[in-house]
Protein backbone atom coordinates (compact mmCIF):
# COMPACT_ATOMS: atom_id res chain seq x y z
CA UNK A 1 2.57 -1.93 -23.92
CA UNK A 2 0.32 -4.64 -22.53
CA UNK A 3 -2.26 -5.73 -25.09
CA UNK A 4 -5.24 -5.50 -22.75
CA UNK A 5 -4.28 -2.13 -21.25
CA UNK A 6 -6.67 -0.22 -23.53
CA UNK A 7 -9.63 -2.23 -22.22
CA UNK A 8 -8.41 -2.18 -18.61
CA UNK A 9 -8.32 1.61 -18.64
CA UNK A 10 -11.64 1.86 -20.45
CA UNK A 11 -13.45 -0.49 -18.08
CA UNK A 12 -12.42 1.66 -15.13
CA UNK A 13 -13.87 4.72 -16.87
CA UNK A 14 -17.41 3.39 -17.18
CA UNK A 15 -19.71 5.37 -14.83
CA UNK A 16 -20.80 3.27 -11.88
CA UNK A 17 -18.11 0.63 -12.49
CA UNK A 18 -15.60 1.04 -9.68
CA UNK A 19 -12.71 -1.08 -8.47
CA UNK A 20 -14.70 -3.99 -7.08
CA UNK A 21 -17.05 -4.30 -10.07
CA UNK A 22 -14.12 -4.00 -12.51
CA UNK A 23 -12.37 -6.89 -10.74
CA UNK A 24 -15.53 -8.99 -10.66
CA UNK A 25 -16.21 -8.44 -14.35
CA UNK A 26 -12.62 -9.20 -15.32
CA UNK A 27 -12.55 -12.41 -13.30
CA UNK A 28 -15.98 -13.54 -14.53
CA UNK A 29 -15.29 -12.95 -18.24
CA UNK A 30 -11.54 -13.62 -18.17
CA UNK A 31 -10.34 -10.19 -19.31
CA UNK A 32 -11.35 -6.54 -19.43
CA UNK A 33 -11.80 -6.78 -23.20
CA UNK A 34 -14.30 -9.62 -22.90
CA UNK A 35 -16.11 -7.78 -20.12
CA UNK A 36 -16.52 -4.65 -22.26
CA UNK A 37 -17.72 -6.72 -25.20
CA UNK A 38 -20.01 -9.01 -23.18
CA UNK A 39 -23.62 -9.48 -24.26
CA UNK A 40 -26.44 -7.82 -22.37
CA UNK A 41 -27.72 -11.22 -21.24
CA UNK A 42 -24.34 -12.13 -19.74
CA UNK A 43 -24.06 -8.80 -17.95
CA UNK A 44 -27.59 -9.06 -16.61
CA UNK A 45 -26.82 -12.57 -15.35
CA UNK A 46 -23.80 -11.43 -13.35
CA UNK A 47 -25.70 -8.41 -11.99
CA UNK A 48 -28.73 -10.39 -10.84
CA UNK A 49 -31.03 -9.41 -13.68
CA UNK A 50 -30.48 -5.66 -13.36
CA UNK A 51 -30.00 -3.77 -16.63
CA UNK A 52 -28.08 -0.84 -15.15
CA UNK A 53 -24.69 -2.48 -15.70
CA UNK A 54 -25.33 -3.53 -19.29
CA UNK A 55 -26.79 -0.10 -20.06
CA UNK A 56 -23.76 1.66 -18.56
CA UNK A 57 -21.33 -0.38 -20.64
CA UNK A 58 -23.37 -0.08 -23.83
CA UNK A 59 -23.84 3.69 -23.53
CA UNK A 60 -20.28 4.56 -22.47
CA UNK A 61 -18.00 1.94 -24.05
CA UNK A 62 -17.05 3.86 -27.19
CA UNK A 63 -16.32 7.07 -25.30
CA UNK A 64 -14.34 5.16 -22.67
CA UNK A 65 -12.22 3.42 -25.32
CA UNK A 66 -11.51 6.74 -27.02
CA UNK A 67 -10.44 8.27 -23.70
CA UNK A 68 -8.29 5.20 -22.97
CA UNK A 69 -6.49 5.64 -26.30
CA UNK A 70 -5.70 9.21 -25.28
CA UNK A 71 -4.35 7.97 -21.95
CA UNK A 72 -2.12 5.38 -23.60
CA UNK A 73 -0.57 8.10 -25.77
CA UNK A 74 0.31 10.02 -22.59
CA UNK A 75 1.66 6.85 -20.96
CA UNK A 76 3.89 6.07 -23.95
CA UNK A 77 5.11 9.64 -24.34
CA UNK A 78 6.11 10.01 -20.69
CA UNK A 79 7.32 6.43 -20.16
CA UNK A 80 4.83 5.70 -17.40
CA UNK A 81 4.55 2.18 -16.00
CA UNK A 82 1.21 0.51 -15.33
CA UNK A 83 0.39 -2.21 -12.83
CA UNK A 84 -2.75 -4.26 -13.37
CA UNK A 85 -4.03 -5.96 -10.22
CA UNK A 86 -3.49 -9.42 -11.73
CA UNK A 87 0.10 -8.70 -12.77
CA UNK A 88 2.89 -10.59 -11.01
CA UNK A 89 4.70 -7.33 -10.22
CA UNK A 90 1.65 -5.67 -8.65
CA UNK A 91 2.68 -4.95 -5.01
CA UNK A 92 1.54 -8.08 -3.09
CA UNK A 93 0.84 -6.21 0.15
CA UNK A 94 -1.60 -4.01 -1.73
CA UNK A 95 -3.01 -6.91 -3.76
CA UNK A 96 -4.10 -8.63 -0.53
CA UNK A 97 -6.49 -5.73 0.22
CA UNK A 98 -9.99 -6.31 -1.16
CA UNK A 99 -10.32 -2.70 -2.32
CA UNK A 100 -6.88 -2.46 -3.93
CA UNK A 101 -6.82 -0.42 -7.15
CA UNK A 102 -7.76 -2.15 -10.39
CA UNK A 103 -4.94 -0.35 -12.19
CA UNK A 104 -1.99 1.73 -11.00
CA UNK A 105 0.17 4.24 -12.85
CA UNK A 106 3.67 5.01 -11.65
CA UNK A 107 6.87 6.65 -12.70
CA UNK A 108 10.25 6.27 -11.08
CA UNK A 109 12.90 3.67 -10.40
CA UNK A 110 12.11 2.22 -6.98
CA UNK A 111 11.18 -1.33 -5.98
CA UNK A 112 7.60 -1.23 -4.70
CA UNK A 113 7.96 -4.64 -3.06
CA UNK A 114 11.02 -4.61 -0.80
CA UNK A 115 11.20 -6.61 2.43
CA UNK A 116 10.25 -3.62 4.59
CA UNK A 117 7.79 -0.82 3.76
CA UNK A 118 6.71 1.96 6.12
CA UNK A 119 4.20 4.77 5.72
CA UNK A 120 5.02 8.03 7.50
CA UNK A 121 2.07 10.42 7.68
CA UNK A 122 0.91 13.35 9.74
CA UNK A 123 -0.66 16.76 9.85
CA UNK A 124 -0.31 19.29 7.07
CA UNK A 125 -0.09 21.96 9.79
CA UNK A 126 2.69 20.28 11.70
CA UNK A 127 4.85 21.83 14.41
CA UNK A 128 8.61 22.14 14.73
CA UNK A 129 8.42 19.13 17.04
CA UNK A 130 6.80 17.06 14.30
CA UNK A 131 9.45 18.06 11.77
CA UNK A 132 12.25 17.17 14.20
CA UNK A 133 10.70 13.80 15.03
CA UNK A 134 10.29 12.97 11.33
CA UNK A 135 13.87 13.96 10.50
CA UNK A 136 15.31 11.96 13.41
CA UNK A 137 13.22 8.88 12.64
CA UNK A 138 14.27 8.79 9.00
CA UNK A 139 17.90 9.48 9.88
CA UNK A 140 17.86 6.46 12.18
CA UNK A 141 16.26 4.25 9.50
CA UNK A 142 18.85 4.96 6.80
CA UNK A 143 20.66 1.62 7.24
CA UNK A 144 17.46 -0.47 7.27
CA UNK A 145 16.99 -0.83 3.48
CA UNK A 146 13.37 0.29 3.77
CA UNK A 147 10.89 1.94 1.39
CA UNK A 148 9.09 4.90 2.95
CA UNK A 149 5.69 5.86 1.54
CA UNK A 150 3.79 9.11 2.02
CA UNK A 151 1.48 11.46 0.15
CA UNK A 152 3.55 14.51 -0.97
CA UNK A 153 1.24 16.79 1.06
CA UNK A 154 2.31 19.79 3.12
CA UNK A 155 3.74 19.15 6.57
CA UNK A 156 4.89 15.71 7.66
CA UNK A 157 4.47 14.09 4.22
CA UNK A 158 6.83 16.35 2.33
CA UNK A 159 9.31 16.40 5.22
CA UNK A 160 9.41 12.59 5.11
CA UNK A 161 10.10 12.57 1.36
CA UNK A 162 12.79 15.26 1.61
CA UNK A 163 14.56 13.52 4.49
CA UNK A 164 14.55 10.27 2.49
CA UNK A 165 16.14 12.03 -0.46
CA UNK A 166 18.76 13.53 1.87
CA UNK A 167 19.69 10.11 3.27
CA UNK A 168 19.37 8.12 0.01
CA UNK A 169 16.38 6.15 1.27
CA UNK A 170 13.88 4.86 -1.28
CA UNK A 171 10.59 6.74 -1.08
CA UNK A 172 7.27 6.66 -2.96
CA UNK A 173 4.64 9.39 -3.09
CA UNK A 174 1.04 8.33 -3.66
CA UNK A 175 -0.98 11.03 -5.43
CA UNK A 176 -4.66 11.95 -5.38
CA UNK A 177 -4.66 12.99 -9.05
CA UNK A 178 -3.18 12.04 -12.41
CA UNK A 179 0.50 12.09 -13.34
CA UNK A 180 0.05 15.09 -15.62
CA UNK A 181 0.30 17.45 -12.64
CA UNK A 182 1.75 17.84 -9.16
CA UNK A 183 -0.28 18.96 -6.17
CA UNK A 184 0.61 21.04 -4.34
CA UNK A 185 2.58 22.80 -7.09
CA UNK A 186 5.08 24.02 -4.48
CA UNK A 187 6.36 20.44 -4.19
CA UNK A 188 7.19 20.01 -7.88
CA UNK A 189 10.96 20.12 -7.32
CA UNK A 190 10.75 17.38 -4.71
CA UNK A 191 8.53 15.33 -7.03
CA UNK A 192 11.09 15.63 -9.81
CA UNK A 193 13.80 14.39 -7.44
CA UNK A 194 11.55 11.48 -6.50
CA UNK A 195 11.58 10.34 -10.12
CA UNK A 196 15.35 9.78 -9.79
CA UNK A 197 15.33 8.25 -6.31
CA UNK A 198 11.82 6.99 -5.73
CA UNK A 199 8.45 6.92 -7.44
CA UNK A 200 5.21 8.77 -8.02
CA UNK A 201 2.20 6.47 -7.87
CA UNK A 202 -1.53 6.94 -8.52
CA UNK A 203 -4.68 5.12 -9.59
CA UNK A 204 -6.06 8.24 -11.32
CA UNK A 205 -5.79 8.99 -15.03
CA UNK A 206 -4.56 12.27 -16.43
CA UNK A 207 -6.81 15.34 -16.19
CA UNK A 208 -8.01 14.12 -12.78
CA UNK A 209 -8.00 17.11 -10.45
CA UNK A 210 -6.86 16.82 -6.82
CA UNK A 211 -10.44 16.90 -5.53
CA UNK A 212 -11.19 16.35 -1.86
CA UNK A 213 -12.87 12.97 -2.37
CA UNK A 214 -9.74 11.56 -4.03
CA UNK A 215 -7.54 11.71 -0.95
CA UNK A 216 -9.22 9.02 1.18
CA UNK A 217 -8.81 6.76 -1.89
CA UNK A 218 -5.15 7.79 -2.03
CA UNK A 219 -4.78 7.03 1.69
CA UNK A 220 -5.91 3.41 1.29
CA UNK A 221 -3.08 2.88 -1.19
CA UNK A 222 -0.58 4.35 1.27
CA UNK A 223 -1.82 2.02 4.01
CA UNK A 224 -2.08 -1.02 1.73
CA UNK A 225 1.46 -0.74 0.38
CA UNK A 226 3.03 -0.88 3.84
CA UNK A 227 3.84 -3.23 6.68
CA UNK A 228 3.32 -0.41 9.16
CA UNK A 229 1.91 3.13 9.27
CA UNK A 230 3.48 5.74 11.57
CA UNK A 231 1.51 8.84 12.53
CA UNK A 232 3.86 11.62 13.65
CA UNK A 233 1.37 14.37 14.44
CA UNK A 234 -2.36 14.76 13.88
CA UNK A 235 -5.21 16.89 15.10
CA UNK A 236 -8.56 15.42 16.09
CA UNK A 237 -9.43 14.99 12.41
CA UNK A 238 -7.35 14.61 9.30
CA UNK A 239 -6.14 12.44 6.49
CA UNK A 240 -3.44 10.77 8.57
CA UNK A 241 -6.10 9.39 10.92
CA UNK A 242 -8.00 8.04 7.91
CA UNK A 243 -4.80 6.31 6.78
CA UNK A 244 -4.28 4.88 10.27
CA UNK A 245 -7.86 3.58 10.42
CA UNK A 246 -7.50 1.94 7.02
CA UNK A 247 -4.17 0.36 8.00
CA UNK A 248 -5.80 -0.96 11.17
CA UNK A 249 -8.67 -2.42 9.11
CA UNK A 250 -6.07 -4.21 6.95
CA UNK A 251 -4.55 -5.75 10.11
CA UNK A 252 -1.33 -3.80 9.50
CA UNK A 253 0.64 -2.32 12.39
CA UNK A 254 -0.07 1.30 13.31
CA UNK A 255 2.31 3.39 15.43
CA UNK A 256 1.94 6.89 16.83
CA UNK A 257 4.20 9.37 18.54
CA UNK A 258 2.65 10.70 21.75
CA UNK A 259 2.12 14.39 22.41
CA UNK A 260 1.21 16.63 25.30
CA UNK A 261 -2.40 16.43 26.42
CA UNK A 262 -2.88 20.15 25.74
CA UNK A 263 -1.32 20.04 22.27
CA UNK A 264 -4.05 20.13 19.61
CA UNK A 265 -1.61 18.92 16.96
CA UNK A 266 -1.11 15.65 18.87
CA UNK A 267 -4.76 15.07 19.78
CA UNK A 268 -5.21 12.55 16.99
CA UNK A 269 -2.10 10.56 17.94
CA UNK A 270 -3.13 10.49 21.59
CA UNK A 271 -6.59 9.27 20.62
CA UNK A 272 -5.12 6.47 18.51
CA UNK A 273 -3.08 5.39 21.51
CA UNK A 274 -6.00 5.59 23.94
CA UNK A 275 -8.23 3.55 21.63
CA UNK A 276 -5.43 0.98 21.19
CA UNK A 277 -5.47 1.40 17.42
CA UNK A 278 -1.81 2.37 17.57
CA UNK A 279 1.32 1.35 19.46
CA UNK A 280 3.30 4.10 21.18
CA UNK A 281 6.80 4.70 19.87
CA UNK A 282 9.30 7.42 20.64
CA UNK A 283 12.14 6.55 18.27
CA UNK A 284 13.30 4.22 15.52
CA UNK A 285 14.54 1.67 18.07
CA UNK A 286 10.99 1.26 19.38
CA UNK A 287 9.76 0.67 15.83
CA UNK A 288 12.44 -1.91 15.06
CA UNK A 289 11.73 -3.79 18.27
CA UNK A 290 7.97 -3.84 17.70
CA UNK A 291 8.37 -4.97 14.08
CA UNK A 292 11.06 -7.52 14.98
CA UNK A 293 13.42 -5.76 12.58
CA UNK A 294 16.25 -5.23 15.04
CA UNK A 295 19.41 -7.05 13.87
CA UNK A 296 20.02 -10.28 15.75
CA UNK A 297 23.30 -12.17 15.28
CA UNK A 298 21.84 -15.15 17.08
CA UNK A 299 18.91 -15.43 14.69
CA UNK A 300 21.01 -15.12 11.53
CA UNK A 301 23.08 -18.11 12.65
CA UNK A 302 20.10 -20.42 13.12
CA UNK A 303 19.48 -23.41 10.85
CA UNK A 304 16.09 -25.04 10.24
CA UNK A 305 17.02 -28.16 8.37
CA UNK A 306 13.61 -29.83 8.71
CA UNK A 307 11.68 -27.06 6.97
CA UNK A 308 10.06 -27.83 3.64
CA UNK A 309 10.50 -25.49 0.67
CA UNK A 310 7.17 -23.76 1.39
CA UNK A 311 7.90 -23.55 5.12
CA UNK A 312 11.28 -21.99 4.37
CA UNK A 313 9.53 -19.43 2.19
CA UNK A 314 7.14 -18.58 5.02
CA UNK A 315 10.02 -18.33 7.51
CA UNK A 316 11.93 -15.88 5.32
CA UNK A 317 8.92 -13.55 5.24
CA UNK A 318 7.94 -13.82 8.89
CA UNK A 319 11.45 -13.23 10.25
CA UNK A 320 11.52 -9.76 8.67
CA UNK A 321 8.30 -8.52 10.34
CA UNK A 322 6.76 -8.57 13.77
CA UNK A 323 3.41 -9.76 12.47
CA UNK A 324 2.09 -10.59 9.01
CA UNK A 325 -1.56 -10.88 7.99
CA UNK A 326 -2.34 -14.32 6.53
CA UNK A 327 -3.70 -12.83 3.28
CA UNK A 328 -0.55 -10.73 2.92
CA UNK A 329 1.58 -13.78 3.67
CA UNK A 330 -0.22 -15.69 0.92
CA UNK A 331 0.48 -12.91 -1.57
CA UNK A 332 4.14 -12.54 -0.58
CA UNK A 333 4.85 -16.28 -0.49
CA UNK A 334 2.79 -17.03 -3.63
CA UNK A 335 1.14 -19.93 -1.80
CA UNK A 336 -2.64 -20.32 -2.14
CA UNK A 337 -4.57 -19.49 1.01
CA UNK A 338 -5.91 -22.97 1.82
CA UNK A 339 -2.56 -24.79 1.46
CA UNK A 340 -0.91 -21.95 3.38
CA UNK A 341 -3.28 -22.44 6.32
CA UNK A 342 -2.31 -26.12 6.43
CA UNK A 343 1.38 -25.20 6.33
CA UNK A 344 0.91 -22.69 9.15
CA UNK A 345 -0.90 -25.30 11.24
CA UNK A 346 2.05 -27.69 10.88
CA UNK A 347 4.54 -24.92 11.70
CA UNK A 348 2.59 -23.94 14.79
CA UNK A 349 2.64 -27.55 15.96
CA UNK A 350 6.44 -27.42 15.63
CA UNK A 351 6.51 -24.21 17.72
CA UNK A 352 7.96 -22.16 14.88
CA UNK A 353 5.07 -19.69 14.71
CA UNK A 354 2.16 -18.35 16.71
CA UNK A 355 -1.20 -17.28 15.30
CA UNK A 356 -2.60 -14.04 16.67
CA UNK A 357 -5.97 -12.25 16.62
CA UNK A 358 -6.83 -10.51 13.36
CA UNK A 359 -5.55 -13.38 11.13
CA UNK A 360 -1.95 -12.47 11.91
CA UNK A 361 1.05 -14.75 12.25
CA UNK A 362 4.25 -14.24 14.27
CA UNK A 363 7.58 -16.08 14.05
CA UNK A 364 8.62 -17.22 17.53
CA UNK A 365 11.37 -19.81 16.95
CA UNK A 366 14.60 -18.06 17.95
CA UNK A 367 16.53 -20.73 19.86
CA UNK A 368 16.40 -23.82 17.66
CA UNK A 369 19.88 -25.20 17.17
CA UNK A 370 21.31 -26.28 13.84
């Protein structure tokens, strides 16, 4: 078990210290342990002279550490993995999001950082049409070597997970509660199967109930883990629209299946399309074309002998996606942002790439001979 895990858990349990403050404190003091043991003067300096932060840590530290010890016992007993936001194996797509979780808990045996990751979300009260569309989409993606992420909820979410299990596709369920329970309880059997062919993932400690306010937090993880979010069906309001909005704010691709104008269960999808927050797709082929994931014999035979090591690394990432956000590209390539921008400038001058609105980059070199 990681030495600092006790303090990482405890810091996140201090009232008023959320994800952003936990990250700031950790980076300022060098570790969660040093942050929890910092002097009042140091804490007041970082908080602009306010005593609320130092008071919160002083009054709650012992209780938080005791609760963290209890959590570590549960983690050890049930062989749960943890991912600290500074860890090398923390999912880089998620790490590039400013509000990414400080600490994640997961159980399962799936790679959370494959080349292609898709979120499939939709209404809890879906129709037969929505179920058919989900099943067909996943069936057609079974040869893509993709990770599919959803939220284990009723409707489209659970259908997506079950179809993945049927077709041996890796799938991860992001939960709005701790790993000591499954919500809804009716999906426990599917969750148990996911532990053998997927993963359960959460930022919440045990004894956290599936309260309403937890699910928008859960949705940001779904969006942040993925290259693209697909909304199958949605009413005018709902969690899938929240996920789509968050994905759009992260400059990730959002896709939606269209519905009839009189169909209330497609009103949300139609609105996403009208507002240009989503791209219309009708099948897996549309998705592959938009994401530049369609197999191309011509492209696999190309040679780029003049590329540097870093440029080659960038090429390998960009040629698997239609567009990649620069921050995400930095995380995936492990190249610092400023040097990366210089590399991208040189590559654009060579007509290898094109920069797009929203800090996105697209690979465009498809006919360069060896």
